[in-house]
Amino acid sequence: MKSIVILVSGRGSNMQAIVERCAAEGWPAKVVGVASNQPGAPALAWAAGRGIATAAVDHKGFVSREAFDAELRRVIDLWQPDVVVLAGFMRILGAAFVRHYEGRLLNIHPSLLPAFTGLHTHRRAIEAGCKVAGASVHFVTPELDHGPIVAQAAVPVLPGDDEASLSARVLEQEHRLYPMAVRWFVQDQLKVADGVVTQLAGEPQLICG
């Protein structure tokens, strides 16, 4: 059984999708811990209500990013994770933290990477006249929103879309995409070579919503 630790900052809807699919599909894994940089994050209460261990590491209590990263790493390592999953974790993690979890640190980003790294992805896609938008699951590297892409979900940008409507449609696909990618990881179905991720069982790495 592999151990999954999930990092969140808010309500954790992707966290919920992963926890629920892990149980429903009988993955060879268990979500053993959920940590947040926000002590009041609703995701912590949701996880605790389902018997999952939780921890809060408030970034505001540290004088530097390095100090915060070190404490967060200490807390995570108490759970001995096989994979650490960023699910709406709204803090930039330093290179030393990322290297510590190299090859076992996943993130979901609300764009079709490498397009629109950073914030306000849906607004920028609409302003750029994109006809398709989406989300990407990738292995985390020290460079923000880069790293080998595990899987992507694509949705059309519809006439009249605004940031909220497009975001909602993409999020619906994220809830399919992220659990699928985490399942592949815990089932040892991913291979990374020369920066390219292959799904070893031949499952499609693109969802079209």
N, C-alpha and C. Protein backbone atom coordinates (compact mmCIF):
# COMPACT_ATOMS: atom_id res chain seq x y z
N MET A 1 0.84 -1.20 0.00
CA MET A 1 0.00 0.00 0.00
C MET A 1 0.88 1.25 0.00
N LYS A 2 0.62 2.14 -0.93
CA LYS A 2 1.36 3.40 -0.98
C LYS A 2 0.64 4.46 -0.15
N SER A 3 1.42 5.39 0.38
CA SER A 3 0.89 6.45 1.23
C SER A 3 0.85 7.75 0.45
N ILE A 4 -0.31 8.40 0.49
CA ILE A 4 -0.53 9.67 -0.21
C ILE A 4 -0.69 10.76 0.83
N VAL A 5 0.04 11.86 0.66
CA VAL A 5 -0.15 13.06 1.47
C VAL A 5 -0.60 14.17 0.53
N ILE A 6 -1.61 14.91 0.94
CA ILE A 6 -2.19 15.97 0.11
C ILE A 6 -2.01 17.32 0.80
N LEU A 7 -1.56 18.31 0.05
CA LEU A 7 -1.40 19.67 0.55
C LEU A 7 -2.48 20.56 -0.05
N VAL A 8 -3.12 21.35 0.81
CA VAL A 8 -4.26 22.18 0.40
C VAL A 8 -4.14 23.56 1.05
N SER A 9 -4.90 24.50 0.49
CA SER A 9 -4.99 25.82 1.13
C SER A 9 -6.42 26.26 1.38
N GLY A 10 -7.39 25.63 0.71
CA GLY A 10 -8.77 26.07 0.82
C GLY A 10 -9.73 24.94 1.08
N ARG A 11 -10.78 24.87 0.25
CA ARG A 11 -11.82 23.86 0.48
C ARG A 11 -11.40 22.48 0.01
N GLY A 12 -10.45 22.40 -0.93
CA GLY A 12 -9.88 21.12 -1.29
C GLY A 12 -10.80 20.22 -2.10
N SER A 13 -11.43 20.77 -3.13
CA SER A 13 -12.34 19.92 -3.92
C SER A 13 -11.58 18.84 -4.67
N ASN A 14 -10.37 19.13 -5.14
CA ASN A 14 -9.57 18.08 -5.79
C ASN A 14 -9.11 17.04 -4.77
N MET A 15 -8.80 17.48 -3.56
CA MET A 15 -8.48 16.53 -2.49
C MET A 15 -9.64 15.58 -2.25
N GLN A 16 -10.84 16.13 -2.17
CA GLN A 16 -12.01 15.30 -1.95
C GLN A 16 -12.19 14.28 -3.06
N ALA A 17 -11.98 14.71 -4.30
CA ALA A 17 -12.12 13.80 -5.44
C ALA A 17 -11.11 12.66 -5.34
N ILE A 18 -9.89 12.96 -4.93
CA ILE A 18 -8.85 11.93 -4.81
C ILE A 18 -9.20 10.95 -3.69
N VAL A 19 -9.58 11.47 -2.53
CA VAL A 19 -9.94 10.61 -1.40
C VAL A 19 -11.09 9.67 -1.78
N GLU A 20 -12.11 10.22 -2.41
CA GLU A 20 -13.30 9.43 -2.73
C GLU A 20 -13.00 8.38 -3.80
N ARG A 21 -12.23 8.76 -4.81
CA ARG A 21 -11.92 7.79 -5.87
C ARG A 21 -10.96 6.71 -5.38
N CYS A 22 -10.04 7.07 -4.51
CA CYS A 22 -9.13 6.09 -3.93
C CYS A 22 -9.93 4.99 -3.22
N ALA A 23 -10.92 5.39 -2.45
CA ALA A 23 -11.74 4.42 -1.72
C ALA A 23 -12.65 3.64 -2.65
N ALA A 24 -13.31 4.35 -3.57
CA ALA A 24 -14.29 3.71 -4.43
C ALA A 24 -13.66 2.73 -5.41
N GLU A 25 -12.45 3.05 -5.88
CA GLU A 25 -11.80 2.23 -6.91
C GLU A 25 -10.81 1.22 -6.33
N GLY A 26 -10.62 1.26 -5.01
CA GLY A 26 -9.74 0.28 -4.37
C GLY A 26 -8.29 0.38 -4.79
N TRP A 27 -7.77 1.61 -4.84
CA TRP A 27 -6.36 1.77 -5.19
C TRP A 27 -5.47 1.04 -4.18
N PRO A 28 -4.27 0.65 -4.59
CA PRO A 28 -3.30 0.09 -3.63
C PRO A 28 -2.60 1.21 -2.87
N ALA A 29 -3.40 2.05 -2.24
CA ALA A 29 -2.88 3.27 -1.60
C ALA A 29 -3.89 3.78 -0.59
N LYS A 30 -3.42 4.70 0.24
CA LYS A 30 -4.29 5.33 1.24
C LYS A 30 -3.84 6.77 1.44
N VAL A 31 -4.80 7.68 1.54
CA VAL A 31 -4.48 9.06 1.90
C VAL A 31 -4.23 9.07 3.41
N VAL A 32 -2.97 9.28 3.80
CA VAL A 32 -2.60 9.16 5.21
C VAL A 32 -2.53 10.50 5.92
N GLY A 33 -2.50 11.59 5.15
CA GLY A 33 -2.41 12.89 5.79
C GLY A 33 -2.78 14.02 4.84
N VAL A 34 -3.34 15.07 5.42
CA VAL A 34 -3.66 16.30 4.69
C VAL A 34 -3.09 17.46 5.49
N ALA A 35 -2.29 18.28 4.84
CA ALA A 35 -1.68 19.43 5.51
C ALA A 35 -2.05 20.71 4.77
N SER A 36 -2.12 21.80 5.52
CA SER A 36 -2.48 23.09 4.93
C SER A 36 -1.65 24.20 5.54
N ASN A 37 -1.41 25.23 4.74
CA ASN A 37 -0.77 26.45 5.26
C ASN A 37 -1.79 27.40 5.85
N GLN A 38 -3.08 27.04 5.77
CA GLN A 38 -4.16 27.84 6.32
C GLN A 38 -4.86 27.04 7.43
N PRO A 39 -4.66 27.41 8.70
CA PRO A 39 -5.26 26.63 9.79
C PRO A 39 -6.77 26.49 9.69
N GLY A 40 -7.44 27.46 9.09
CA GLY A 40 -8.90 27.39 8.98
C GLY A 40 -9.40 26.82 7.69
N ALA A 41 -8.56 26.19 6.92
CA ALA A 41 -8.97 25.65 5.62
C ALA A 41 -10.09 24.62 5.79
N PRO A 42 -11.21 24.79 5.07
CA PRO A 42 -12.30 23.80 5.17
C PRO A 42 -11.86 22.38 4.84
N ALA A 43 -10.83 22.25 4.00
CA ALA A 43 -10.36 20.91 3.63
C ALA A 43 -9.89 20.12 4.84
N LEU A 44 -9.32 20.79 5.83
CA LEU A 44 -8.84 20.08 7.02
C LEU A 44 -10.00 19.46 7.79
N ALA A 45 -11.08 20.22 7.93
CA ALA A 45 -12.24 19.68 8.65
C ALA A 45 -12.86 18.52 7.88
N TRP A 46 -12.92 18.65 6.55
CA TRP A 46 -13.48 17.57 5.73
C TRP A 46 -12.67 16.30 5.91
N ALA A 47 -11.34 16.43 5.84
CA ALA A 47 -10.48 15.26 5.98
C ALA A 47 -10.57 14.65 7.37
N ALA A 48 -10.52 15.51 8.39
CA ALA A 48 -10.59 15.00 9.77
C ALA A 48 -11.90 14.26 10.01
N GLY A 49 -12.97 14.74 9.40
CA GLY A 49 -14.27 14.08 9.54
C GLY A 49 -14.31 12.70 8.93
N ARG A 50 -13.34 12.40 8.10
CA ARG A 50 -13.26 11.08 7.48
C ARG A 50 -12.10 10.26 8.02
N GLY A 51 -11.59 10.67 9.17
CA GLY A 51 -10.57 9.90 9.86
C GLY A 51 -9.17 10.04 9.30
N ILE A 52 -8.94 11.06 8.49
CA ILE A 52 -7.61 11.28 7.92
C ILE A 52 -6.84 12.24 8.82
N ALA A 53 -5.60 11.93 9.10
CA ALA A 53 -4.77 12.81 9.93
C ALA A 53 -4.56 14.15 9.22
N THR A 54 -4.56 15.23 9.98
CA THR A 54 -4.40 16.56 9.41
C THR A 54 -3.35 17.35 10.19
N ALA A 55 -2.82 18.37 9.53
CA ALA A 55 -1.86 19.26 10.18
C ALA A 55 -1.95 20.63 9.52
N ALA A 56 -1.77 21.66 10.31
CA ALA A 56 -1.71 23.03 9.81
C ALA A 56 -0.33 23.60 10.08
N VAL A 57 0.30 24.12 9.03
CA VAL A 57 1.60 24.79 9.16
C VAL A 57 1.39 26.19 8.58
N ASP A 58 1.09 27.13 9.46
CA ASP A 58 0.72 28.49 9.04
C ASP A 58 1.96 29.23 8.54
N HIS A 59 1.96 29.55 7.26
CA HIS A 59 3.14 30.21 6.68
C HIS A 59 3.41 31.57 7.29
N LYS A 60 2.37 32.18 7.86
CA LYS A 60 2.54 33.52 8.45
C LYS A 60 3.38 33.48 9.73
N GLY A 61 3.60 32.30 10.28
CA GLY A 61 4.37 32.18 11.51
C GLY A 61 5.87 31.98 11.29
N PHE A 62 6.33 32.14 10.05
CA PHE A 62 7.74 31.89 9.74
C PHE A 62 8.37 33.11 9.12
N VAL A 63 9.63 33.34 9.43
CA VAL A 63 10.31 34.56 8.97
C VAL A 63 10.81 34.42 7.54
N SER A 64 10.83 33.20 7.00
CA SER A 64 11.33 33.02 5.65
C SER A 64 10.61 31.84 4.99
N ARG A 65 10.66 31.82 3.68
CA ARG A 65 10.10 30.68 2.95
C ARG A 65 10.85 29.42 3.31
N GLU A 66 12.16 29.52 3.48
CA GLU A 66 12.97 28.35 3.79
C GLU A 66 12.57 27.73 5.12
N ALA A 67 12.29 28.59 6.11
CA ALA A 67 11.88 28.08 7.42
C ALA A 67 10.52 27.39 7.34
N PHE A 68 9.60 28.00 6.58
CA PHE A 68 8.29 27.38 6.38
C PHE A 68 8.42 26.04 5.68
N ASP A 69 9.20 26.03 4.58
CA ASP A 69 9.39 24.78 3.83
C ASP A 69 9.96 23.68 4.71
N ALA A 70 10.92 24.04 5.56
CA ALA A 70 11.56 23.03 6.41
C ALA A 70 10.56 22.42 7.39
N GLU A 71 9.72 23.25 7.98
CA GLU A 71 8.72 22.72 8.92
C GLU A 71 7.66 21.90 8.19
N LEU A 72 7.24 22.38 7.03
CA LEU A 72 6.25 21.62 6.26
C LEU A 72 6.82 20.25 5.87
N ARG A 73 8.06 20.24 5.46
CA ARG A 73 8.70 18.97 5.10
C ARG A 73 8.78 18.04 6.30
N ARG A 74 9.11 18.59 7.47
CA ARG A 74 9.17 17.76 8.67
C ARG A 74 7.83 17.11 8.96
N VAL A 75 6.76 17.90 8.85
CA VAL A 75 5.42 17.38 9.12
C VAL A 75 5.03 16.31 8.10
N ILE A 76 5.28 16.59 6.83
CA ILE A 76 4.94 15.63 5.79
C ILE A 76 5.68 14.32 5.99
N ASP A 77 6.96 14.40 6.31
CA ASP A 77 7.77 13.19 6.41
C ASP A 77 7.38 12.31 7.59
N LEU A 78 6.68 12.87 8.56
CA LEU A 78 6.16 12.03 9.64
C LEU A 78 5.19 10.99 9.11
N TRP A 79 4.54 11.31 7.98
CA TRP A 79 3.58 10.39 7.36
C TRP A 79 4.24 9.43 6.37
N GLN A 80 5.53 9.59 6.11
CA GLN A 80 6.29 8.71 5.21
C GLN A 80 5.58 8.54 3.86
N PRO A 81 5.42 9.61 3.14
CA PRO A 81 4.64 9.53 1.90
C PRO A 81 5.41 8.90 0.73
N ASP A 82 4.67 8.17 -0.09
CA ASP A 82 5.20 7.73 -1.38
C ASP A 82 4.97 8.79 -2.45
N VAL A 83 3.94 9.59 -2.27
CA VAL A 83 3.64 10.67 -3.20
C VAL A 83 3.02 11.83 -2.43
N VAL A 84 3.42 13.03 -2.79
CA VAL A 84 2.85 14.25 -2.21
C VAL A 84 2.10 14.98 -3.32
N VAL A 85 0.85 15.29 -3.03
CA VAL A 85 -0.06 15.83 -4.04
C VAL A 85 -0.46 17.25 -3.67
N LEU A 86 -0.15 18.22 -4.53
CA LEU A 86 -0.56 19.60 -4.31
C LEU A 86 -1.95 19.78 -4.92
N ALA A 87 -2.92 20.10 -4.08
CA ALA A 87 -4.30 20.22 -4.53
C ALA A 87 -4.84 21.58 -4.09
N GLY A 88 -4.54 22.60 -4.90
CA GLY A 88 -4.93 23.95 -4.52
C GLY A 88 -4.08 24.48 -3.39
N PHE A 89 -2.81 24.12 -3.39
CA PHE A 89 -1.88 24.61 -2.37
C PHE A 89 -1.26 25.89 -2.88
N MET A 90 -1.61 27.01 -2.25
CA MET A 90 -1.32 28.33 -2.80
C MET A 90 -0.05 28.95 -2.22
N ARG A 91 1.00 28.15 -2.14
CA ARG A 91 2.30 28.66 -1.74
C ARG A 91 3.34 28.15 -2.72
N ILE A 92 4.27 29.02 -3.08
CA ILE A 92 5.38 28.59 -3.93
C ILE A 92 6.41 27.90 -3.05
N LEU A 93 6.78 26.70 -3.43
CA LEU A 93 7.72 25.90 -2.65
C LEU A 93 9.13 26.06 -3.21
N GLY A 94 10.10 26.15 -2.32
CA GLY A 94 11.48 26.37 -2.72
C GLY A 94 12.11 25.16 -3.36
N ALA A 95 13.26 25.40 -4.00
CA ALA A 95 13.94 24.35 -4.74
C ALA A 95 14.37 23.19 -3.84
N ALA A 96 14.82 23.48 -2.63
CA ALA A 96 15.26 22.40 -1.74
C ALA A 96 14.10 21.49 -1.37
N PHE A 97 12.93 22.07 -1.12
CA PHE A 97 11.73 21.28 -0.82
C PHE A 97 11.38 20.40 -2.01
N VAL A 98 11.36 21.00 -3.19
CA VAL A 98 10.99 20.25 -4.40
C VAL A 98 11.97 19.11 -4.66
N ARG A 99 13.24 19.38 -4.49
CA ARG A 99 14.24 18.33 -4.73
C ARG A 99 14.08 17.18 -3.74
N HIS A 100 13.68 17.49 -2.51
CA HIS A 100 13.49 16.45 -1.49
C HIS A 100 12.44 15.44 -1.94
N TYR A 101 11.42 15.90 -2.66
CA TYR A 101 10.34 15.02 -3.11
C TYR A 101 10.40 14.76 -4.62
N GLU A 102 11.56 14.92 -5.20
CA GLU A 102 11.70 14.78 -6.65
C GLU A 102 11.17 13.43 -7.12
N GLY A 103 10.35 13.48 -8.16
CA GLY A 103 9.78 12.27 -8.73
C GLY A 103 8.56 11.75 -8.01
N ARG A 104 8.18 12.41 -6.92
CA ARG A 104 6.98 11.97 -6.18
C ARG A 104 6.17 13.18 -5.67
N LEU A 105 6.26 14.27 -6.42
CA LEU A 105 5.53 15.49 -6.08
C LEU A 105 4.72 15.91 -7.29
N LEU A 106 3.38 15.87 -7.15
CA LEU A 106 2.48 16.17 -8.26
C LEU A 106 1.71 17.46 -8.00
N ASN A 107 1.36 18.14 -9.08
CA ASN A 107 0.56 19.37 -9.00
C ASN A 107 -0.45 19.36 -10.13
N ILE A 108 -1.56 20.07 -9.92
CA ILE A 108 -2.51 20.32 -11.00
C ILE A 108 -2.57 21.82 -11.23
N HIS A 109 -2.49 22.20 -12.50
CA HIS A 109 -2.48 23.61 -12.87
C HIS A 109 -3.63 23.86 -13.85
N PRO A 110 -4.40 24.94 -13.65
CA PRO A 110 -5.59 25.17 -14.47
C PRO A 110 -5.29 25.82 -15.82
N SER A 111 -4.43 25.18 -16.60
CA SER A 111 -4.23 25.57 -17.99
C SER A 111 -3.64 24.39 -18.73
N LEU A 112 -3.60 24.51 -20.03
CA LEU A 112 -2.95 23.50 -20.84
C LEU A 112 -1.48 23.89 -20.96
N LEU A 113 -0.70 23.44 -20.00
CA LEU A 113 0.72 23.77 -20.00
C LEU A 113 1.37 23.29 -21.30
N PRO A 114 2.37 24.03 -21.79
CA PRO A 114 3.10 25.11 -21.12
C PRO A 114 2.46 26.49 -21.23
N ALA A 115 1.24 26.59 -21.73
CA ALA A 115 0.58 27.89 -21.83
C ALA A 115 0.10 28.35 -20.46
N PHE A 116 0.17 29.65 -20.23
CA PHE A 116 -0.45 30.30 -19.07
C PHE A 116 0.00 29.71 -17.73
N THR A 117 1.29 29.75 -17.49
CA THR A 117 1.78 29.45 -16.15
C THR A 117 1.38 30.60 -15.23
N GLY A 118 1.41 30.36 -13.92
CA GLY A 118 1.09 31.42 -12.98
C GLY A 118 -0.40 31.54 -12.72
N LEU A 119 -0.83 32.77 -12.42
CA LEU A 119 -2.19 33.03 -11.97
C LEU A 119 -3.11 33.49 -13.10
N HIS A 120 -4.41 33.55 -12.78
CA HIS A 120 -5.45 34.11 -13.66
C HIS A 120 -5.46 33.42 -15.02
N THR A 121 -5.33 32.11 -15.02
CA THR A 121 -5.18 31.36 -16.26
C THR A 121 -6.42 31.45 -17.15
N HIS A 122 -7.61 31.34 -16.56
CA HIS A 122 -8.83 31.33 -17.36
C HIS A 122 -9.07 32.70 -18.00
N ARG A 123 -8.86 33.76 -17.26
CA ARG A 123 -9.02 35.10 -17.80
C ARG A 123 -8.05 35.33 -18.95
N ARG A 124 -6.83 34.90 -18.75
CA ARG A 124 -5.81 35.09 -19.80
C ARG A 124 -6.13 34.28 -21.05
N ALA A 125 -6.67 33.07 -20.87
CA ALA A 125 -7.05 32.26 -22.03
C ALA A 125 -8.16 32.93 -22.83
N ILE A 126 -9.15 33.47 -22.13
CA ILE A 126 -10.24 34.16 -22.81
C ILE A 126 -9.72 35.41 -23.53
N GLU A 127 -8.89 36.19 -22.84
CA GLU A 127 -8.36 37.42 -23.43
C GLU A 127 -7.48 37.12 -24.65
N ALA A 128 -6.84 35.97 -24.66
CA ALA A 128 -5.98 35.59 -25.78
C ALA A 128 -6.77 35.02 -26.96
N GLY A 129 -8.07 34.84 -26.78
CA GLY A 129 -8.89 34.28 -27.84
C GLY A 129 -8.74 32.79 -28.02
N CYS A 130 -8.30 32.09 -26.98
CA CYS A 130 -8.15 30.64 -27.08
C CYS A 130 -9.50 29.97 -27.33
N LYS A 131 -9.50 28.95 -28.13
CA LYS A 131 -10.72 28.19 -28.42
C LYS A 131 -10.83 26.95 -27.54
N VAL A 132 -9.74 26.64 -26.83
CA VAL A 132 -9.73 25.50 -25.92
C VAL A 132 -8.91 25.89 -24.70
N ALA A 133 -9.33 25.42 -23.55
CA ALA A 133 -8.61 25.64 -22.29
C ALA A 133 -8.60 24.31 -21.55
N GLY A 134 -8.11 24.33 -20.32
CA GLY A 134 -8.10 23.07 -19.60
C GLY A 134 -7.20 23.06 -18.39
N ALA A 135 -6.74 21.88 -18.02
CA ALA A 135 -5.90 21.69 -16.84
C ALA A 135 -4.84 20.64 -17.13
N SER A 136 -3.74 20.72 -16.38
CA SER A 136 -2.62 19.80 -16.56
C SER A 136 -2.16 19.28 -15.20
N VAL A 137 -1.91 17.98 -15.12
CA VAL A 137 -1.23 17.39 -13.97
C VAL A 137 0.22 17.17 -14.38
N HIS A 138 1.13 17.62 -13.53
CA HIS A 138 2.55 17.51 -13.87
C HIS A 138 3.37 17.20 -12.63
N PHE A 139 4.53 16.60 -12.86
CA PHE A 139 5.51 16.46 -11.80
C PHE A 139 6.10 17.84 -11.51
N VAL A 140 6.30 18.14 -10.24
CA VAL A 140 6.79 19.45 -9.84
C VAL A 140 8.31 19.50 -9.95
N THR A 141 8.79 20.59 -10.55
CA THR A 141 10.22 20.88 -10.60
C THR A 141 10.43 22.27 -9.99
N PRO A 142 11.67 22.66 -9.74
CA PRO A 142 11.88 23.98 -9.13
C PRO A 142 11.32 25.15 -9.94
N GLU A 143 11.20 25.00 -11.26
CA GLU A 143 10.64 26.07 -12.07
C GLU A 143 9.12 26.01 -11.98
N LEU A 144 8.49 27.13 -11.64
CA LEU A 144 7.05 27.19 -11.35
C LEU A 144 6.23 26.73 -12.55
N ASP A 145 5.30 25.80 -12.29
CA ASP A 145 4.34 25.32 -13.29
C ASP A 145 5.02 24.72 -14.52
N HIS A 146 6.17 24.12 -14.29
CA HIS A 146 6.83 23.36 -15.32
C HIS A 146 6.98 21.93 -14.80
N GLY A 147 7.71 21.13 -15.52
CA GLY A 147 7.88 19.74 -15.12
C GLY A 147 7.11 18.83 -16.04
N PRO A 148 7.50 17.56 -16.11
CA PRO A 148 6.88 16.61 -17.04
C PRO A 148 5.37 16.51 -16.84
N ILE A 149 4.64 16.58 -17.95
CA ILE A 149 3.17 16.57 -17.92
C ILE A 149 2.67 15.13 -17.90
N VAL A 150 1.88 14.81 -16.89
CA VAL A 150 1.33 13.46 -16.73
C VAL A 150 0.07 13.28 -17.57
N ALA A 151 -0.83 14.26 -17.50
CA ALA A 151 -2.12 14.16 -18.20
C ALA A 151 -2.73 15.54 -18.29
N GLN A 152 -3.62 15.70 -19.27
CA GLN A 152 -4.30 16.98 -19.45
C GLN A 152 -5.78 16.75 -19.74
N ALA A 153 -6.58 17.75 -19.38
CA ALA A 153 -8.00 17.76 -19.72
C ALA A 153 -8.28 19.03 -20.50
N ALA A 154 -9.01 18.91 -21.59
CA ALA A 154 -9.30 20.05 -22.45
C ALA A 154 -10.81 20.29 -22.51
N VAL A 155 -11.19 21.55 -22.46
CA VAL A 155 -12.59 21.94 -22.60
C VAL A 155 -12.66 23.09 -23.60
N PRO A 156 -13.78 23.23 -24.33
CA PRO A 156 -13.89 24.35 -25.25
C PRO A 156 -14.11 25.66 -24.50
N VAL A 157 -13.59 26.73 -25.06
CA VAL A 157 -13.94 28.07 -24.59
C VAL A 157 -15.15 28.51 -25.40
N LEU A 158 -16.26 28.70 -24.72
CA LEU A 158 -17.53 28.95 -25.41
C LEU A 158 -17.78 30.45 -25.58
N PRO A 159 -18.53 30.81 -26.61
CA PRO A 159 -18.91 32.22 -26.76
C PRO A 159 -19.64 32.70 -25.50
N GLY A 160 -19.25 33.85 -25.01
CA GLY A 160 -19.87 34.38 -23.80
C GLY A 160 -19.25 33.91 -22.52
N ASP A 161 -18.26 33.04 -22.59
CA ASP A 161 -17.60 32.59 -21.37
C ASP A 161 -16.95 33.77 -20.64
N ASP A 162 -17.03 33.74 -19.31
CA ASP A 162 -16.22 34.64 -18.50
C ASP A 162 -15.32 33.77 -17.62
N GLU A 163 -14.53 34.43 -16.80
CA GLU A 163 -13.56 33.68 -15.99
C GLU A 163 -14.25 32.65 -15.10
N ALA A 164 -15.39 33.02 -14.52
CA ALA A 164 -16.08 32.12 -13.60
C ALA A 164 -16.66 30.91 -14.32
N SER A 165 -17.29 31.12 -15.44
CA SER A 165 -17.93 29.99 -16.15
C SER A 165 -16.89 29.03 -16.70
N LEU A 166 -15.81 29.57 -17.24
CA LEU A 166 -14.76 28.70 -17.76
C LEU A 166 -14.07 27.94 -16.63
N SER A 167 -13.82 28.63 -15.52
CA SER A 167 -13.20 27.99 -14.36
C SER A 167 -14.04 26.83 -13.85
N ALA A 168 -15.35 27.02 -13.79
CA ALA A 168 -16.23 25.96 -13.29
C ALA A 168 -16.20 24.74 -14.20
N ARG A 169 -16.16 24.97 -15.50
CA ARG A 169 -16.14 23.86 -16.44
C ARG A 169 -14.81 23.12 -16.40
N VAL A 170 -13.72 23.86 -16.25
CA VAL A 170 -12.41 23.22 -16.13
C VAL A 170 -12.32 22.43 -14.82
N LEU A 171 -12.83 23.01 -13.72
CA LEU A 171 -12.75 22.33 -12.43
C LEU A 171 -13.47 20.99 -12.45
N GLU A 172 -14.57 20.92 -13.15
CA GLU A 172 -15.30 19.65 -13.27
C GLU A 172 -14.41 18.58 -13.89
N GLN A 173 -13.61 18.96 -14.86
CA GLN A 173 -12.69 18.01 -15.49
C GLN A 173 -11.48 17.71 -14.60
N GLU A 174 -11.06 18.70 -13.81
CA GLU A 174 -9.97 18.46 -12.86
C GLU A 174 -10.31 17.31 -11.92
N HIS A 175 -11.59 17.26 -11.51
CA HIS A 175 -12.01 16.23 -10.57
C HIS A 175 -11.98 14.84 -11.19
N ARG A 176 -11.94 14.75 -12.51
CA ARG A 176 -11.72 13.48 -13.21
C ARG A 176 -10.22 13.24 -13.41
N LEU A 177 -9.54 14.29 -13.81
CA LEU A 177 -8.15 14.18 -14.24
C LEU A 177 -7.19 13.85 -13.10
N TYR A 178 -7.30 14.58 -11.99
CA TYR A 178 -6.30 14.44 -10.92
C TYR A 178 -6.34 13.07 -10.26
N PRO A 179 -7.53 12.56 -9.90
CA PRO A 179 -7.55 11.20 -9.33
C PRO A 179 -6.99 10.16 -10.30
N MET A 180 -7.27 10.33 -11.58
CA MET A 180 -6.75 9.39 -12.56
C MET A 180 -5.22 9.39 -12.56
N ALA A 181 -4.63 10.58 -12.54
CA ALA A 181 -3.17 10.68 -12.56
C ALA A 181 -2.54 10.13 -11.29
N VAL A 182 -3.15 10.41 -10.14
CA VAL A 182 -2.63 9.87 -8.87
C VAL A 182 -2.75 8.35 -8.85
N ARG A 183 -3.86 7.85 -9.37
CA ARG A 183 -4.01 6.38 -9.44
C ARG A 183 -2.90 5.77 -10.27
N TRP A 184 -2.58 6.37 -11.40
CA TRP A 184 -1.50 5.85 -12.23
C TRP A 184 -0.19 5.80 -11.44
N PHE A 185 0.05 6.86 -10.67
CA PHE A 185 1.30 6.90 -9.90
C PHE A 185 1.35 5.75 -8.91
N VAL A 186 0.31 5.57 -8.13
CA VAL A 186 0.35 4.55 -7.07
C VAL A 186 0.30 3.14 -7.64
N GLN A 187 -0.16 3.00 -8.89
CA GLN A 187 -0.16 1.70 -9.55
C GLN A 187 1.12 1.46 -10.36
N ASP A 188 2.10 2.37 -10.23
CA ASP A 188 3.38 2.24 -10.93
C ASP A 188 3.18 2.16 -12.44
N GLN A 189 2.29 3.00 -12.96
CA GLN A 189 1.99 2.99 -14.38
C GLN A 189 2.56 4.20 -15.12
N LEU A 190 3.48 4.92 -14.50
CA LEU A 190 4.06 6.09 -15.13
C LEU A 190 5.56 5.91 -15.32
N LYS A 191 6.04 6.31 -16.48
CA LYS A 191 7.46 6.31 -16.77
C LYS A 191 7.84 7.69 -17.30
N VAL A 192 8.92 8.26 -16.76
CA VAL A 192 9.40 9.56 -17.21
C VAL A 192 10.76 9.36 -17.87
N ALA A 193 10.87 9.80 -19.11
CA ALA A 193 12.14 9.71 -19.84
C ALA A 193 12.30 10.95 -20.70
N ASP A 194 13.41 11.64 -20.53
CA ASP A 194 13.70 12.85 -21.30
C ASP A 194 12.59 13.89 -21.17
N GLY A 195 12.02 13.97 -19.95
CA GLY A 195 11.00 14.97 -19.69
C GLY A 195 9.61 14.64 -20.20
N VAL A 196 9.43 13.44 -20.72
CA VAL A 196 8.13 13.03 -21.26
C VAL A 196 7.58 11.88 -20.42
N VAL A 197 6.30 11.98 -20.04
CA VAL A 197 5.66 10.96 -19.22
C VAL A 197 4.84 10.02 -20.11
N THR A 198 5.07 8.73 -19.94
CA THR A 198 4.31 7.71 -20.65
C THR A 198 3.45 6.93 -19.67
N GLN A 199 2.19 6.68 -20.05
CA GLN A 199 1.29 5.86 -19.27
C GLN A 199 1.49 4.41 -19.73
N LEU A 200 2.06 3.58 -18.87
CA LEU A 200 2.53 2.28 -19.28
C LEU A 200 1.43 1.29 -19.65
N ALA A 201 0.22 1.52 -19.16
CA ALA A 201 -0.89 0.63 -19.49
C ALA A 201 -1.62 1.07 -20.77
N GLY A 202 -1.16 2.17 -21.36
CA GLY A 202 -1.75 2.63 -22.61
C GLY A 202 -3.03 3.43 -22.46
N GLU A 203 -3.35 3.85 -21.22
CA GLU A 203 -4.55 4.67 -21.04
C GLU A 203 -4.32 6.05 -21.62
N PRO A 204 -5.35 6.67 -22.19
CA PRO A 204 -5.22 8.00 -22.77
C PRO A 204 -4.80 9.03 -21.70
N GLN A 205 -3.87 9.87 -22.07
CA GLN A 205 -3.39 10.92 -21.16
C GLN A 205 -4.06 12.26 -21.43
N LEU A 206 -5.11 12.23 -22.22
CA LEU A 206 -5.89 13.43 -22.51
C LEU A 206 -7.38 13.14 -22.30
N ILE A 207 -8.03 13.99 -21.53
CA ILE A 207 -9.48 13.95 -21.35
C ILE A 207 -10.07 15.14 -22.09
N CYS A 208 -11.11 14.91 -22.89
CA CYS A 208 -11.79 16.01 -23.56
C CYS A 208 -13.20 16.14 -22.97
N GLY A 209 -13.46 17.29 -22.37
CA GLY A 209 -14.73 17.48 -21.69
C GLY A 209 -15.70 18.32 -22.51
